[in-house]
Amino acid sequence: MRWIKSLMKKEILEERLKELDWTAYKLAQEFARVRNEEEGIDKKATSFATSVRQALAKPEKSSLKTIETIIKALDGEIVIRWKQKAEVVTGEKEVVVE
């Protein structure tokens, strides 16, 4: 999964923060909200502020879970699309074994 993190550029995160007019601390607040909902915990934004700042500075060094939570906090999502590989067989009879 390291390749996914390498695709996340710091400029992309910075641009989104600018679009939302958020500070790193505001992101940490939203990060805490998302993480608390997902894990059923009750941690304050200050618990995540350092991780968020570090992820903004060097996203490629952060855990995938941290990057995923940041993306969710910024109202985004990670999407992976697999190429469809279709196999076509003609002249054969399909047999179903139950």
Protein backbone atom coordinates (compact mmCIF):
# COMPACT_ATOMS: atom_id res chain seq x y z
CA MET A 1 0.00 0.00 0.00
CA ARG A 2 3.02 2.28 0.07
CA TRP A 3 2.29 3.24 -3.55
CA ILE A 4 -1.07 4.71 -2.49
CA LYS A 5 0.63 6.99 0.01
CA SER A 6 3.21 8.02 -2.58
CA LEU A 7 0.36 9.24 -4.81
CA MET A 8 -0.87 11.60 -2.09
CA LYS A 9 0.97 14.84 -2.65
CA LYS A 10 1.23 17.45 0.05
CA GLU A 11 0.06 20.11 -2.43
CA ILE A 12 -3.26 18.29 -2.90
CA LEU A 13 -3.95 18.41 0.83
CA GLU A 14 -2.83 22.03 1.11
CA GLU A 15 -5.09 23.05 -1.78
CA ARG A 16 -8.10 21.35 -0.18
CA LEU A 17 -7.42 23.08 3.14
CA LYS A 18 -7.28 26.38 1.29
CA GLU A 19 -10.57 25.63 -0.53
CA LEU A 20 -12.26 24.94 2.80
CA ASP A 21 -10.49 27.87 4.49
CA TRP A 22 -9.34 25.52 7.26
CA THR A 23 -6.29 25.58 9.49
CA ALA A 24 -4.37 22.46 10.41
CA TYR A 25 -6.09 22.58 13.80
CA LYS A 26 -9.56 22.71 12.21
CA LEU A 27 -8.54 19.63 10.22
CA ALA A 28 -7.41 17.98 13.48
CA GLN A 29 -10.87 18.69 14.93
CA GLU A 30 -12.59 17.05 11.96
CA PHE A 31 -10.02 14.23 12.04
CA ALA A 32 -10.95 13.60 15.70
CA ARG A 33 -14.65 13.60 14.85
CA VAL A 34 -14.17 11.02 12.06
CA ARG A 35 -11.83 8.80 14.07
CA ASN A 36 -14.08 8.98 17.15
CA GLU A 37 -17.12 7.93 15.09
CA GLU A 38 -15.28 5.08 13.38
CA GLU A 39 -13.64 3.66 16.48
CA GLY A 40 -16.22 4.53 19.13
CA ILE A 41 -13.69 6.54 21.13
CA ASP A 42 -13.75 10.04 22.59
CA LYS A 43 -10.43 11.78 21.93
CA LYS A 44 -9.92 15.50 21.56
CA ALA A 45 -8.39 17.18 18.51
CA THR A 46 -5.23 17.87 20.51
CA SER A 47 -4.59 14.10 20.58
CA PHE A 48 -4.34 14.11 16.79
CA ALA A 49 -2.91 17.57 16.06
CA THR A 50 0.72 16.42 15.77
CA SER A 51 -0.14 13.46 13.53
CA VAL A 52 -2.22 15.72 11.29
CA ARG A 53 0.54 18.35 11.01
CA GLN A 54 3.11 15.67 10.22
CA ALA A 55 0.83 14.10 7.60
CA LEU A 56 0.30 17.48 5.96
CA ALA A 57 4.05 18.06 5.84
CA LYS A 58 5.02 14.57 4.63
CA PRO A 59 1.99 12.49 3.61
CA GLU A 60 4.21 9.78 2.15
CA LYS A 61 5.63 9.11 5.64
CA SER A 62 2.22 8.81 7.32
CA SER A 63 0.21 5.65 7.84
CA LEU A 64 -2.46 4.83 5.30
CA LYS A 65 -5.07 5.00 8.10
CA THR A 66 -4.02 8.57 8.91
CA ILE A 67 -4.18 9.62 5.25
CA GLU A 68 -7.55 7.92 4.82
CA THR A 69 -8.94 9.70 7.90
CA ILE A 70 -7.62 13.05 6.67
CA ILE A 71 -9.28 12.51 3.30
CA LYS A 72 -12.58 11.65 5.00
CA ALA A 73 -12.25 14.67 7.30
CA LEU A 74 -11.78 16.83 4.20
CA ASP A 75 -15.04 15.34 2.86
CA GLY A 76 -13.31 13.12 0.33
CA GLU A 77 -12.92 9.45 -0.40
CA ILE A 78 -10.32 7.03 -1.72
CA VAL A 79 -11.45 5.16 -4.82
CA ILE A 80 -9.68 2.23 -6.44
CA ARG A 81 -10.96 1.03 -9.79
CA TRP A 82 -9.83 -2.33 -11.07
CA LYS A 83 -9.70 -2.87 -14.80
CA GLN A 84 -12.36 -5.30 -15.92
CA LYS A 85 -10.98 -8.50 -17.40
CA ALA A 86 -13.67 -10.34 -19.29
CA GLU A 87 -13.17 -13.81 -20.69
CA VAL A 88 -15.43 -14.88 -23.50
CA VAL A 89 -15.78 -18.57 -24.35
CA THR A 90 -17.79 -19.65 -27.37
CA GLY A 91 -18.87 -23.11 -28.47
CA GLU A 92 -18.85 -24.52 -24.96
CA LYS A 93 -21.68 -25.64 -22.70
CA GLU A 94 -21.67 -24.36 -19.13
CA VAL A 95 -22.08 -27.01 -16.45
CA VAL A 96 -23.08 -25.90 -12.96
CA VAL A 97 -22.04 -28.13 -10.08
CA GLU A 98 -23.99 -27.67 -6.86
